[in-house]
Amino acid sequence: MTEPTLTVEQQIHQAGPVVLTVTGELDHHTAPQLSQALDHAPLGDGRALVIDLSGLAYCDSTGITVLVTAYHRAQSAGSSLSLAGLSHDLTRVFQTVGLDQVFTLHPGLDDALAALRP
């Protein structure tokens, strides 16, 4: 059995928000990678954070906990946080547990970035 893999790429979009692109499997083995990337994301001063999950193949409860922690960190820093590209299954989980009422969800990265434009 192979270990799950996860990649997290950070970029500052030309419109200003920080974009984290997450690809692979987000579980108890890989969640520390996303946590570390979130810890180093430049937040504050009203800067938005968008996490693009369109490349996510799997997410367990540990991954969801990392996302909730990121939401709280962004809120504390005065930044907004949006999630983009959730799979149908992950969207359904978020709806079932009420996280669709906490997070701003967008079908894709372009939609999330468009929503941030004044």
PDB file of N, CA and C in Angstrom:
ATOM      1  N   MET A   1       0.840  -1.175   0.000  1.00  0.00           N
ATOM      2  CA  MET A   1       0.000   0.000   0.000  1.00  0.00           C
ATOM      3  C   MET A   1       0.891   1.246   0.000  1.00  0.00           C
ATOM      4  N   THR A   2       0.593   2.175  -0.861  1.00  0.00           N
ATOM      5  CA  THR A   2       1.396   3.393  -0.932  1.00  0.00           C
ATOM      6  C   THR A   2       0.814   4.465  -0.030  1.00  0.00           C
ATOM      7  N   GLU A   3       1.695   5.324   0.451  1.00  0.00           N
ATOM      8  CA  GLU A   3       1.267   6.450   1.277  1.00  0.00           C
ATOM      9  C   GLU A   3       0.555   7.479   0.403  1.00  0.00           C
ATOM     10  N   PRO A   4      -0.479   8.111   0.927  1.00  0.00           N
ATOM     11  CA  PRO A   4      -1.142   9.163   0.167  1.00  0.00           C
ATOM     12  C   PRO A   4      -0.211  10.347  -0.049  1.00  0.00           C
ATOM     13  N   THR A   5      -0.412  11.033  -1.150  1.00  0.00           N
ATOM     14  CA  THR A   5       0.418  12.204  -1.433  1.00  0.00           C
ATOM     15  C   THR A   5      -0.459  13.435  -1.540  1.00  0.00           C
ATOM     16  N   LEU A   6       0.137  14.555  -1.217  1.00  0.00           N
ATOM     17  CA  LEU A   6      -0.548  15.835  -1.281  1.00  0.00           C
ATOM     18  C   LEU A   6       0.461  16.890  -1.701  1.00  0.00           C
ATOM     19  N   THR A   7       0.061  17.753  -2.602  1.00  0.00           N
ATOM     20  CA  THR A   7       0.873  18.913  -2.926  1.00  0.00           C
ATOM     21  C   THR A   7       0.049  20.158  -2.659  1.00  0.00           C
ATOM     22  N   VAL A   8       0.730  21.168  -2.184  1.00  0.00           N
ATOM     23  CA  VAL A   8       0.096  22.460  -1.917  1.00  0.00           C
ATOM     24  C   VAL A   8       0.983  23.520  -2.544  1.00  0.00           C
ATOM     25  N   GLU A   9       0.416  24.256  -3.483  1.00  0.00           N
ATOM     26  CA  GLU A   9       1.151  25.340  -4.134  1.00  0.00           C
ATOM     27  C   GLU A   9       0.503  26.659  -3.753  1.00  0.00           C
ATOM     28  N   GLN A  10       1.345  27.622  -3.403  1.00  0.00           N
ATOM     29  CA  GLN A  10       0.852  28.940  -3.030  1.00  0.00           C
ATOM     30  C   GLN A  10       1.250  29.952  -4.085  1.00  0.00           C
ATOM     31  N   GLN A  11       0.324  30.817  -4.419  1.00  0.00           N
ATOM     32  CA  GLN A  11       0.650  31.945  -5.285  1.00  0.00           C
ATOM     33  C   GLN A  11      -0.177  33.146  -4.823  1.00  0.00           C
ATOM     34  N   ILE A  12       0.360  34.314  -5.088  1.00  0.00           N
ATOM     35  CA  ILE A  12      -0.389  35.540  -4.848  1.00  0.00           C
ATOM     36  C   ILE A  12      -0.979  35.926  -6.198  1.00  0.00           C
ATOM     37  N   HIS A  13      -2.286  35.889  -6.288  1.00  0.00           N
ATOM     38  CA  HIS A  13      -2.949  36.203  -7.548  1.00  0.00           C
ATOM     39  C   HIS A  13      -2.801  37.692  -7.839  1.00  0.00           C
ATOM     40  N   GLN A  14      -2.786  38.042  -9.111  1.00  0.00           N
ATOM     41  CA  GLN A  14      -2.617  39.447  -9.502  1.00  0.00           C
ATOM     42  C   GLN A  14      -3.697  40.350  -8.919  1.00  0.00           C
ATOM     43  N   ALA A  15      -4.869  39.796  -8.625  1.00  0.00           N
ATOM     44  CA  ALA A  15      -5.943  40.585  -8.023  1.00  0.00           C
ATOM     45  C   ALA A  15      -5.750  40.763  -6.519  1.00  0.00           C
ATOM     46  N   GLY A  16      -4.744  40.088  -5.931  1.00  0.00           N
ATOM     47  CA  GLY A  16      -4.432  40.283  -4.530  1.00  0.00           C
ATOM     48  C   GLY A  16      -4.601  39.099  -3.609  1.00  0.00           C
ATOM     49  N   PRO A  17      -5.558  38.199  -3.862  1.00  0.00           N
ATOM     50  CA  PRO A  17      -5.728  37.113  -2.897  1.00  0.00           C
ATOM     51  C   PRO A  17      -4.601  36.089  -2.946  1.00  0.00           C
ATOM     52  N   VAL A  18      -4.420  35.425  -1.812  1.00  0.00           N
ATOM     53  CA  VAL A  18      -3.521  34.285  -1.735  1.00  0.00           C
ATOM     54  C   VAL A  18      -4.314  33.079  -2.223  1.00  0.00           C
ATOM     55  N   VAL A  19      -3.729  32.319  -3.135  1.00  0.00           N
ATOM     56  CA  VAL A  19      -4.382  31.112  -3.646  1.00  0.00           C
ATOM     57  C   VAL A  19      -3.523  29.907  -3.276  1.00  0.00           C
ATOM     58  N   LEU A  20      -4.128  28.966  -2.562  1.00  0.00           N
ATOM     59  CA  LEU A  20      -3.483  27.695  -2.274  1.00  0.00           C
ATOM     60  C   LEU A  20      -4.162  26.637  -3.126  1.00  0.00           C
ATOM     61  N   THR A  21      -3.393  25.970  -3.963  1.00  0.00           N
ATOM     62  CA  THR A  21      -3.913  24.908  -4.812  1.00  0.00           C
ATOM     63  C   THR A  21      -3.511  23.580  -4.187  1.00  0.00           C
ATOM     64  N   VAL A  22      -4.515  22.801  -3.822  1.00  0.00           N
ATOM     65  CA  VAL A  22      -4.307  21.551  -3.107  1.00  0.00           C
ATOM     66  C   VAL A  22      -4.634  20.394  -4.049  1.00  0.00           C
ATOM     67  N   THR A  23      -3.683  19.468  -4.180  1.00  0.00           N
ATOM     68  CA  THR A  23      -3.851  18.334  -5.089  1.00  0.00           C
ATOM     69  C   THR A  23      -3.478  17.046  -4.374  1.00  0.00           C
ATOM     70  N   GLY A  24      -4.292  16.028  -4.545  1.00  0.00           N
ATOM     71  CA  GLY A  24      -3.979  14.720  -3.976  1.00  0.00           C
ATOM     72  C   GLY A  24      -4.978  14.303  -2.934  1.00  0.00           C
ATOM     73  N   GLU A  25      -4.479  13.684  -1.870  1.00  0.00           N
ATOM     74  CA  GLU A  25      -5.321  13.160  -0.804  1.00  0.00           C
ATOM     75  C   GLU A  25      -5.031  13.898   0.500  1.00  0.00           C
ATOM     76  N   LEU A  26      -6.089  14.425   1.089  1.00  0.00           N
ATOM     77  CA  LEU A  26      -5.974  15.179   2.341  1.00  0.00           C
ATOM     78  C   LEU A  26      -6.527  14.310   3.462  1.00  0.00           C
ATOM     79  N   ASP A  27      -5.609  13.742   4.246  1.00  0.00           N
ATOM     80  CA  ASP A  27      -6.012  12.862   5.335  1.00  0.00           C
ATOM     81  C   ASP A  27      -5.053  13.052   6.505  1.00  0.00           C
ATOM     82  N   HIS A  28      -5.142  12.160   7.480  1.00  0.00           N
ATOM     83  CA  HIS A  28      -4.311  12.332   8.679  1.00  0.00           C
ATOM     84  C   HIS A  28      -2.824  12.232   8.380  1.00  0.00           C
ATOM     85  N   HIS A  29      -2.447  11.589   7.274  1.00  0.00           N
ATOM     86  CA  HIS A  29      -1.034  11.510   6.904  1.00  0.00           C
ATOM     87  C   HIS A  29      -0.538  12.807   6.262  1.00  0.00           C
ATOM     88  N   THR A  30      -1.388  13.439   5.471  1.00  0.00           N
ATOM     89  CA  THR A  30      -0.953  14.589   4.668  1.00  0.00           C
ATOM     90  C   THR A  30      -1.429  15.936   5.208  1.00  0.00           C
ATOM     91  N   ALA A  31      -2.349  15.923   6.145  1.00  0.00           N
ATOM     92  CA  ALA A  31      -2.890  17.178   6.682  1.00  0.00           C
ATOM     93  C   ALA A  31      -1.814  18.130   7.205  1.00  0.00           C
ATOM     94  N   PRO A  32      -0.727  17.637   7.815  1.00  0.00           N
ATOM     95  CA  PRO A  32       0.308  18.566   8.275  1.00  0.00           C
ATOM     96  C   PRO A  32       0.910  19.420   7.150  1.00  0.00           C
ATOM     97  N   GLN A  33       0.961  18.887   5.940  1.00  0.00           N
ATOM     98  CA  GLN A  33       1.477  19.680   4.819  1.00  0.00           C
ATOM     99  C   GLN A  33       0.594  20.894   4.553  1.00  0.00           C
ATOM    100  N   LEU A  34      -0.722  20.680   4.548  1.00  0.00           N
ATOM    101  CA  LEU A  34      -1.630  21.798   4.322  1.00  0.00           C
ATOM    102  C   LEU A  34      -1.590  22.749   5.509  1.00  0.00           C
ATOM    103  N   SER A  35      -1.525  22.216   6.713  1.00  0.00           N
ATOM    104  CA  SER A  35      -1.444  23.079   7.903  1.00  0.00           C
ATOM    105  C   SER A  35      -0.224  23.980   7.836  1.00  0.00           C
ATOM    106  N   GLN A  36       0.907  23.411   7.435  1.00  0.00           N
ATOM    107  CA  GLN A  36       2.139  24.196   7.340  1.00  0.00           C
ATOM    108  C   GLN A  36       2.005  25.282   6.273  1.00  0.00           C
ATOM    109  N   ALA A  37       1.435  24.940   5.135  1.00  0.00           N
ATOM    110  CA  ALA A  37       1.246  25.943   4.076  1.00  0.00           C
ATOM    111  C   ALA A  37       0.315  27.053   4.544  1.00  0.00           C
ATOM    112  N   LEU A  38      -0.715  26.701   5.277  1.00  0.00           N
ATOM    113  CA  LEU A  38      -1.646  27.710   5.793  1.00  0.00           C
ATOM    114  C   LEU A  38      -0.975  28.592   6.841  1.00  0.00           C
ATOM    115  N   ASP A  39      -0.100  27.994   7.647  1.00  0.00           N
ATOM    116  CA  ASP A  39       0.628  28.777   8.651  1.00  0.00           C
ATOM    117  C   ASP A  39       1.526  29.826   8.006  1.00  0.00           C
ATOM    118  N   HIS A  40       2.006  29.547   6.794  1.00  0.00           N
ATOM    119  CA  HIS A  40       2.911  30.462   6.105  1.00  0.00           C
ATOM    120  C   HIS A  40       2.208  31.369   5.093  1.00  0.00           C
ATOM    121  N   ALA A  41       0.905  31.205   4.940  1.00  0.00           N
ATOM    122  CA  ALA A  41       0.160  32.057   4.004  1.00  0.00           C
ATOM    123  C   ALA A  41       0.059  33.465   4.582  1.00  0.00           C
ATOM    124  N   PRO A  42       0.408  34.467   3.779  1.00  0.00           N
ATOM    125  CA  PRO A  42       0.347  35.853   4.274  1.00  0.00           C
ATOM    126  C   PRO A  42      -1.095  36.340   4.361  1.00  0.00           C
ATOM    127  N   LEU A  43      -1.609  36.414   5.574  1.00  0.00           N
ATOM    128  CA  LEU A  43      -2.974  36.877   5.794  1.00  0.00           C
ATOM    129  C   LEU A  43      -2.944  38.229   6.488  1.00  0.00           C
ATOM    130  N   GLY A  44      -4.097  38.845   6.577  1.00  0.00           N
ATOM    131  CA  GLY A  44      -4.217  40.129   7.239  1.00  0.00           C
ATOM    132  C   GLY A  44      -4.398  41.247   6.243  1.00  0.00           C
ATOM    133  N   ASP A  45      -4.626  42.444   6.752  1.00  0.00           N
ATOM    134  CA  ASP A  45      -4.833  43.620   5.922  1.00  0.00           C
ATOM    135  C   ASP A  45      -5.945  43.406   4.903  1.00  0.00           C
ATOM    136  N   GLY A  46      -6.937  42.585   5.255  1.00  0.00           N
ATOM    137  CA  GLY A  46      -8.060  42.354   4.361  1.00  0.00           C
ATOM    138  C   GLY A  46      -7.764  41.447   3.182  1.00  0.00           C
ATOM    139  N   ARG A  47      -6.580  40.873   3.132  1.00  0.00           N
ATOM    140  CA  ARG A  47      -6.218  39.980   2.021  1.00  0.00           C
ATOM    141  C   ARG A  47      -7.055  38.706   2.094  1.00  0.00           C
ATOM    142  N   ALA A  48      -7.596  38.314   0.970  1.00  0.00           N
ATOM    143  CA  ALA A  48      -8.419  37.110   0.886  1.00  0.00           C
ATOM    144  C   ALA A  48      -7.546  35.880   0.677  1.00  0.00           C
ATOM    145  N   LEU A  49      -8.046  34.757   1.140  1.00  0.00           N
ATOM    146  CA  LEU A  49      -7.423  33.461   0.927  1.00  0.00           C
ATOM    147  C   LEU A  49      -8.416  32.582   0.196  1.00  0.00           C
ATOM    148  N   VAL A  50      -7.974  31.998  -0.909  1.00  0.00           N
ATOM    149  CA  VAL A  50      -8.797  31.059  -1.666  1.00  0.00           C
ATOM    150  C   VAL A  50      -8.050  29.728  -1.676  1.00  0.00           C
ATOM    151  N   ILE A  51      -8.732  28.679  -1.259  1.00  0.00           N
ATOM    152  CA  ILE A  51      -8.155  27.341  -1.310  1.00  0.00           C
ATOM    153  C   ILE A  51      -8.848  26.601  -2.443  1.00  0.00           C
ATOM    154  N   ASP A  52      -8.059  26.271  -3.457  1.00  0.00           N
ATOM    155  CA  ASP A  52      -8.570  25.568  -4.632  1.00  0.00           C
ATOM    156  C   ASP A  52      -8.437  24.068  -4.396  1.00  0.00           C
ATOM    157  N   LEU A  53      -9.573  23.404  -4.246  1.00  0.00           N
ATOM    158  CA  LEU A  53      -9.602  21.977  -3.947  1.00  0.00           C
ATOM    159  C   LEU A  53     -10.002  21.145  -5.162  1.00  0.00           C
ATOM    160  N   SER A  54      -9.949  21.722  -6.340  1.00  0.00           N
ATOM    161  CA  SER A  54     -10.397  21.004  -7.536  1.00  0.00           C
ATOM    162  C   SER A  54      -9.528  19.788  -7.850  1.00  0.00           C
ATOM    163  N   GLY A  55      -8.303  19.750  -7.340  1.00  0.00           N
ATOM    164  CA  GLY A  55      -7.424  18.610  -7.561  1.00  0.00           C
ATOM    165  C   GLY A  55      -7.408  17.621  -6.409  1.00  0.00           C
ATOM    166  N   LEU A  56      -8.331  17.811  -5.475  1.00  0.00           N
ATOM    167  CA  LEU A  56      -8.376  16.937  -4.307  1.00  0.00           C
ATOM    168  C   LEU A  56      -9.113  15.647  -4.656  1.00  0.00           C
ATOM    169  N   ALA A  57      -8.449  14.528  -4.456  1.00  0.00           N
ATOM    170  CA  ALA A  57      -9.050  13.228  -4.760  1.00  0.00           C
ATOM    171  C   ALA A  57      -9.781  12.648  -3.551  1.00  0.00           C
ATOM    172  N   TYR A  58      -9.361  13.052  -2.351  1.00  0.00           N
ATOM    173  CA  TYR A  58      -9.923  12.475  -1.134  1.00  0.00           C
ATOM    174  C   TYR A  58      -9.715  13.449   0.006  1.00  0.00           C
ATOM    175  N   CYS A  59     -10.685  13.506   0.918  1.00  0.00           N
ATOM    176  CA  CYS A  59     -10.557  14.343   2.113  1.00  0.00           C
ATOM    177  C   CYS A  59     -11.276  13.646   3.258  1.00  0.00           C
ATOM    178  N   ASP A  60     -10.562  13.402   4.356  1.00  0.00           N
ATOM    179  CA  ASP A  60     -11.209  12.803   5.523  1.00  0.00           C
ATOM    180  C   ASP A  60     -11.470  13.877   6.581  1.00  0.00           C
ATOM    181  N   SER A  61     -11.918  13.445   7.749  1.00  0.00           N
ATOM    182  CA  SER A  61     -12.286  14.397   8.800  1.00  0.00           C
ATOM    183  C   SER A  61     -11.091  15.223   9.268  1.00  0.00           C
ATOM    184  N   THR A  62      -9.899  14.667   9.212  1.00  0.00           N
ATOM    185  CA  THR A  62      -8.707  15.432   9.590  1.00  0.00           C
ATOM    186  C   THR A  62      -8.511  16.592   8.632  1.00  0.00           C
ATOM    187  N   GLY A  63      -8.705  16.343   7.348  1.00  0.00           N
ATOM    188  CA  GLY A  63      -8.598  17.407   6.350  1.00  0.00           C
ATOM    189  C   GLY A  63      -9.631  18.492   6.564  1.00  0.00           C
ATOM    190  N   ILE A  64     -10.847  18.093   6.883  1.00  0.00           N
ATOM    191  CA  ILE A  64     -11.904  19.070   7.144  1.00  0.00           C
ATOM    192  C   ILE A  64     -11.548  19.903   8.367  1.00  0.00           C
ATOM    193  N   THR A  65     -10.968  19.268   9.381  1.00  0.00           N
ATOM    194  CA  THR A  65     -10.545  20.006  10.578  1.00  0.00           C
ATOM    195  C   THR A  65      -9.488  21.046  10.233  1.00  0.00           C
ATOM    196  N   VAL A  66      -8.556  20.710   9.354  1.00  0.00           N
ATOM    197  CA  VAL A  66      -7.538  21.671   8.919  1.00  0.00           C
ATOM    198  C   VAL A  66      -8.210  22.859   8.231  1.00  0.00           C
ATOM    199  N   LEU A  67      -9.205  22.602   7.407  1.00  0.00           N
ATOM    200  CA  LEU A  67      -9.908  23.689   6.717  1.00  0.00           C
ATOM    201  C   LEU A  67     -10.675  24.571   7.695  1.00  0.00           C
ATOM    202  N   VAL A  68     -11.301  23.967   8.695  1.00  0.00           N
ATOM    203  CA  VAL A  68     -12.017  24.752   9.715  1.00  0.00           C
ATOM    204  C   VAL A  68     -11.025  25.601  10.507  1.00  0.00           C
ATOM    205  N   THR A  69      -9.881  25.032  10.857  1.00  0.00           N
ATOM    206  CA  THR A  69      -8.844  25.789  11.563  1.00  0.00           C
ATOM    207  C   THR A  69      -8.357  26.952  10.706  1.00  0.00           C
ATOM    208  N   ALA A  70      -8.206  26.716   9.408  1.00  0.00           N
ATOM    209  CA  ALA A  70      -7.794  27.788   8.492  1.00  0.00           C
ATOM    210  C   ALA A  70      -8.831  28.898   8.461  1.00  0.00           C
ATOM    211  N   TYR A  71     -10.089  28.530   8.484  1.00  0.00           N
ATOM    212  CA  TYR A  71     -11.163  29.524   8.504  1.00  0.00           C
ATOM    213  C   TYR A  71     -11.036  30.418   9.748  1.00  0.00           C
ATOM    214  N   HIS A  72     -10.844  29.796  10.893  1.00  0.00           N
ATOM    215  CA  HIS A  72     -10.713  30.569  12.139  1.00  0.00           C
ATOM    216  C   HIS A  72      -9.472  31.459  12.115  1.00  0.00           C
ATOM    217  N   ARG A  73      -8.385  30.945  11.586  1.00  0.00           N
ATOM    218  CA  ARG A  73      -7.158  31.748  11.491  1.00  0.00           C
ATOM    219  C   ARG A  73      -7.369  32.944  10.570  1.00  0.00           C
ATOM    220  N   ALA A  74      -8.020  32.719   9.440  1.00  0.00           N
ATOM    221  CA  ALA A  74      -8.285  33.816   8.504  1.00  0.00           C
ATOM    222  C   ALA A  74      -9.177  34.864   9.158  1.00  0.00           C
ATOM    223  N   GLN A  75     -10.214  34.415   9.840  1.00  0.00           N
ATOM    224  CA  GLN A  75     -11.113  35.344  10.524  1.00  0.00           C
ATOM    225  C   GLN A  75     -10.365  36.179  11.560  1.00  0.00           C
ATOM    226  N   SER A  76      -9.489  35.540  12.327  1.00  0.00           N
ATOM    227  CA  SER A  76      -8.713  36.240  13.354  1.00  0.00           C
ATOM    228  C   SER A  76      -7.768  37.268  12.744  1.00  0.00           C
ATOM    229  N   ALA A  77      -7.291  36.988  11.531  1.00  0.00           N
ATOM    230  CA  ALA A  77      -6.354  37.892  10.858  1.00  0.00           C
ATOM    231  C   ALA A  77      -7.073  38.981  10.063  1.00  0.00           C
ATOM    232  N   GLY A  78      -8.406  38.931  10.018  1.00  0.00           N
ATOM    233  CA  GLY A  78      -9.150  39.922   9.248  1.00  0.00           C
ATOM    234  C   GLY A  78      -9.188  39.613   7.760  1.00  0.00           C
ATOM    235  N   SER A  79      -9.002  38.350   7.421  1.00  0.00           N
ATOM    236  CA  SER A  79      -9.024  37.922   6.023  1.00  0.00           C
ATOM    237  C   SER A  79     -10.254  37.065   5.771  1.00  0.00           C
ATOM    238  N   SER A  80     -10.682  37.037   4.525  1.00  0.00           N
ATOM    239  CA  SER A  80     -11.760  36.127   4.156  1.00  0.00           C
ATOM    240  C   SER A  80     -11.151  34.838   3.628  1.00  0.00           C
ATOM    241  N   LEU A  81     -11.918  33.761   3.685  1.00  0.00           N
ATOM    242  CA  LEU A  81     -11.466  32.485   3.162  1.00  0.00           C
ATOM    243  C   LEU A  81     -12.588  31.890   2.326  1.00  0.00           C
ATOM    244  N   SER A  82     -12.251  31.495   1.113  1.00  0.00           N
ATOM    245  CA  SER A  82     -13.193  30.837   0.214  1.00  0.00           C
ATOM    246  C   SER A  82     -12.612  29.500  -0.204  1.00  0.00           C
ATOM    247  N   LEU A  83     -13.501  28.552  -0.438  1.00  0.00           N
ATOM    248  CA  LEU A  83     -13.099  27.252  -0.965  1.00  0.00           C
ATOM    249  C   LEU A  83     -13.634  27.131  -2.375  1.00  0.00           C
ATOM    250  N   ALA A  84     -12.803  26.638  -3.268  1.00  0.00           N
ATOM    251  CA  ALA A  84     -13.203  26.512  -4.675  1.00  0.00           C
ATOM    252  C   ALA A  84     -12.969  25.080  -5.145  1.00  0.00           C
ATOM    253  N   GLY A  85     -13.841  24.634  -6.044  1.00  0.00           N
ATOM    254  CA  GLY A  85     -13.628  23.374  -6.736  1.00  0.00           C
ATOM    255  C   GLY A  85     -13.869  22.126  -5.916  1.00  0.00           C
ATOM    256  N   LEU A  86     -14.725  22.200  -4.898  1.00  0.00           N
ATOM    257  CA  LEU A  86     -15.024  21.004  -4.122  1.00  0.00           C
ATOM    258  C   LEU A  86     -15.738  19.983  -4.999  1.00  0.00           C
ATOM    259  N   SER A  87     -15.394  18.725  -4.817  1.00  0.00           N
ATOM    260  CA  SER A  87     -16.090  17.660  -5.535  1.00  0.00           C
ATOM    261  C   SER A  87     -17.539  17.600  -5.061  1.00  0.00           C
ATOM    262  N   HIS A  88     -18.350  16.917  -5.838  1.00  0.00           N
ATOM    263  CA  HIS A  88     -19.757  16.743  -5.463  1.00  0.00           C
ATOM    264  C   HIS A  88     -19.864  16.070  -4.089  1.00  0.00           C
ATOM    265  N   ASP A  89     -19.047  15.039  -3.874  1.00  0.00           N
ATOM    266  CA  ASP A  89     -19.108  14.305  -2.603  1.00  0.00           C
ATOM    267  C   ASP A  89     -18.687  15.177  -1.424  1.00  0.00           C
ATOM    268  N   LEU A  90     -17.627  15.953  -1.589  1.00  0.00           N
ATOM    269  CA  LEU A  90     -17.169  16.807  -0.493  1.00  0.00           C
ATOM    270  C   LEU A  90     -18.168  17.937  -0.234  1.00  0.00           C
ATOM    271  N   THR A  91     -18.749  18.472  -1.292  1.00  0.00           N
ATOM    272  CA  THR A  91     -19.785  19.497  -1.118  1.00  0.00           C
ATOM    273  C   THR A  91     -20.950  18.928  -0.316  1.00  0.00           C
ATOM    274  N   ARG A  92     -21.313  17.703  -0.614  1.00  0.00           N
ATOM    275  CA  ARG A  92     -22.420  17.062   0.100  1.00  0.00           C
ATOM    276  C   ARG A  92     -22.091  16.878   1.585  1.00  0.00           C
ATOM    277  N   VAL A  93     -20.855  16.501   1.885  1.00  0.00           N
ATOM    278  CA  VAL A  93     -20.428  16.377   3.283  1.00  0.00           C
ATOM    279  C   VAL A  93     -20.528  17.738   3.972  1.00  0.00           C
ATOM    280  N   PHE A  94     -20.031  18.774   3.317  1.00  0.00           N
ATOM    281  CA  PHE A  94     -20.089  20.118   3.897  1.00  0.00           C
ATOM    282  C   PHE A  94     -21.539  20.534   4.150  1.00  0.00           C
ATOM    283  N   GLN A  95     -22.429  20.223   3.240  1.00  0.00           N
ATOM    284  CA  GLN A  95     -23.840  20.556   3.409  1.00  0.00           C
ATOM    285  C   GLN A  95     -24.460  19.758   4.552  1.00  0.00           C
ATOM    286  N   THR A  96     -24.114  18.495   4.651  1.00  0.00           N
ATOM    287  CA  THR A  96     -24.679  17.626   5.682  1.00  0.00           C
ATOM    288  C   THR A  96     -24.316  18.098   7.082  1.00  0.00           C
ATOM    289  N   VAL A  97     -23.076  18.534   7.263  1.00  0.00           N
ATOM    290  CA  VAL A  97     -22.642  18.960   8.597  1.00  0.00           C
ATOM    291  C   VAL A  97     -22.776  20.468   8.819  1.00  0.00           C
ATOM    292  N   GLY A  98     -23.290  21.181   7.820  1.00  0.00           N
ATOM    293  CA  GLY A  98     -23.543  22.609   7.974  1.00  0.00           C
ATOM    294  C   GLY A  98     -22.364  23.510   7.664  1.00  0.00           C
ATOM    295  N   LEU A  99     -21.277  22.962   7.152  1.00  0.00           N
ATOM    296  CA  LEU A  99     -20.119  23.809   6.851  1.00  0.00           C
ATOM    297  C   LEU A  99     -20.340  24.682   5.621  1.00  0.00           C
ATOM    298  N   ASP A 100     -21.352  24.382   4.826  1.00  0.00           N
ATOM    299  CA  ASP A 100     -21.686  25.268   3.711  1.00  0.00           C
ATOM    300  C   ASP A 100     -22.242  26.587   4.223  1.00  0.00           C
ATOM    301  N   GLN A 101     -22.635  26.633   5.495  1.00  0.00           N
ATOM    302  CA  GLN A 101     -23.105  27.865   6.117  1.00  0.00           C
ATOM    303  C   GLN A 101     -21.945  28.661   6.722  1.00  0.00           C
ATOM    304  N   VAL A 102     -20.786  28.022   6.859  1.00  0.00           N
ATOM    305  CA  VAL A 102     -19.598  28.656   7.423  1.00  0.00           C
ATOM    306  C   VAL A 102     -18.690  29.162   6.307  1.00  0.00           C
ATOM    307  N   PHE A 103     -18.393  28.280   5.366  1.00  0.00           N
ATOM    308  CA  PHE A 103     -17.487  28.600   4.262  1.00  0.00           C
ATOM    309  C   PHE A 103     -18.240  29.207   3.083  1.00  0.00           C
ATOM    310  N   THR A 104     -17.531  30.032   2.349  1.00  0.00           N
ATOM    311  CA  THR A 104     -18.018  30.484   1.053  1.00  0.00           C
ATOM    312  C   THR A 104     -17.481  29.489   0.036  1.00  0.00           C
ATOM    313  N   LEU A 105     -18.391  28.796  -0.642  1.00  0.00           N
ATOM    314  CA  LEU A 105     -18.020  27.753  -1.597  1.00  0.00           C
ATOM    315  C   LEU A 105     -18.255  28.245  -3.014  1.00  0.00           C
ATOM    316  N   HIS A 106     -17.311  27.942  -3.884  1.00  0.00           N
ATOM    317  CA  HIS A 106     -17.419  28.320  -5.298  1.00  0.00           C
ATOM    318  C   HIS A 106     -17.146  27.087  -6.161  1.00  0.00           C
ATOM    319  N   PRO A 107     -17.826  27.000  -7.318  1.00  0.00           N
ATOM    320  CA  PRO A 107     -17.621  25.842  -8.186  1.00  0.00           C
ATOM    321  C   PRO A 107     -16.174  25.707  -8.682  1.00  0.00           C
ATOM    322  N   GLY A 108     -15.509  26.811  -8.918  1.00  0.00           N
ATOM    323  CA  GLY A 108     -14.139  26.768  -9.419  1.00  0.00           C
ATOM    324  C   GLY A 108     -13.347  27.972  -8.976  1.00  0.00           C
ATOM    325  N   LEU A 109     -12.053  27.951  -9.240  1.00  0.00           N
ATOM    326  CA  LEU A 109     -11.166  29.041  -8.844  1.00  0.00           C
ATOM    327  C   LEU A 109     -11.559  30.355  -9.502  1.00  0.00           C
ATOM    328  N   ASP A 110     -11.873  30.320 -10.792  1.00  0.00           N
ATOM    329  CA  ASP A 110     -12.264  31.552 -11.478  1.00  0.00           C
ATOM    330  C   ASP A 110     -13.497  32.186 -10.846  1.00  0.00           C
ATOM    331  N   ASP A 111     -14.436  31.350 -10.420  1.00  0.00           N
ATOM    332  CA  ASP A 111     -15.639  31.865  -9.755  1.00  0.00           C
ATOM    333  C   ASP A 111     -15.280  32.534  -8.426  1.00  0.00           C
ATOM    334  N   ALA A 112     -14.379  31.908  -7.678  1.00  0.00           N
ATOM    335  CA  ALA A 112     -13.976  32.469  -6.400  1.00  0.00           C
ATOM    336  C   ALA A 112     -13.265  33.802  -6.576  1.00  0.00           C
ATOM    337  N   LEU A 113     -12.378  33.872  -7.569  1.00  0.00           N
ATOM    338  CA  LEU A 113     -11.653  35.113  -7.825  1.00  0.00           C
ATOM    339  C   LEU A 113     -12.592  36.202  -8.335  1.00  0.00           C
ATOM    340  N   ALA A 114     -13.544  35.844  -9.172  1.00  0.00           N
ATOM    341  CA  ALA A 114     -14.515  36.819  -9.685  1.00  0.00           C
ATOM    342  C   ALA A 114     -15.362  37.393  -8.549  1.00  0.00           C
ATOM    343  N   ALA A 115     -15.691  36.562  -7.572  1.00  0.00           N
ATOM    344  CA  ALA A 115     -16.514  37.017  -6.442  1.00  0.00           C
ATOM    345  C   ALA A 115     -15.763  38.010  -5.567  1.00  0.00           C
ATOM    346  N   LEU A 116     -14.455  38.018  -5.639  1.00  0.00           N
ATOM    347  CA  LEU A 116     -13.651  38.934  -4.820  1.00  0.00           C
ATOM    348  C   LEU A 116     -13.452  40.288  -5.471  1.00  0.00           C
ATOM    349  N   ARG A 117     -13.736  40.375  -6.769  1.00  0.00           N
ATOM    350  CA  ARG A 117     -13.557  41.653  -7.455  1.00  0.00           C
ATOM    351  C   ARG A 117     -14.604  42.648  -7.005  1.00  0.00           C
ATOM    352  N   PRO A 118     -14.201  43.907  -6.822  1.00  0.00           N
ATOM    353  CA  PRO A 118     -15.182  44.917  -6.383  1.00  0.00           C
ATOM    354  C   PRO A 118     -16.215  45.219  -7.453  1.00  0.00           C
TER     355      PRO A 118
END
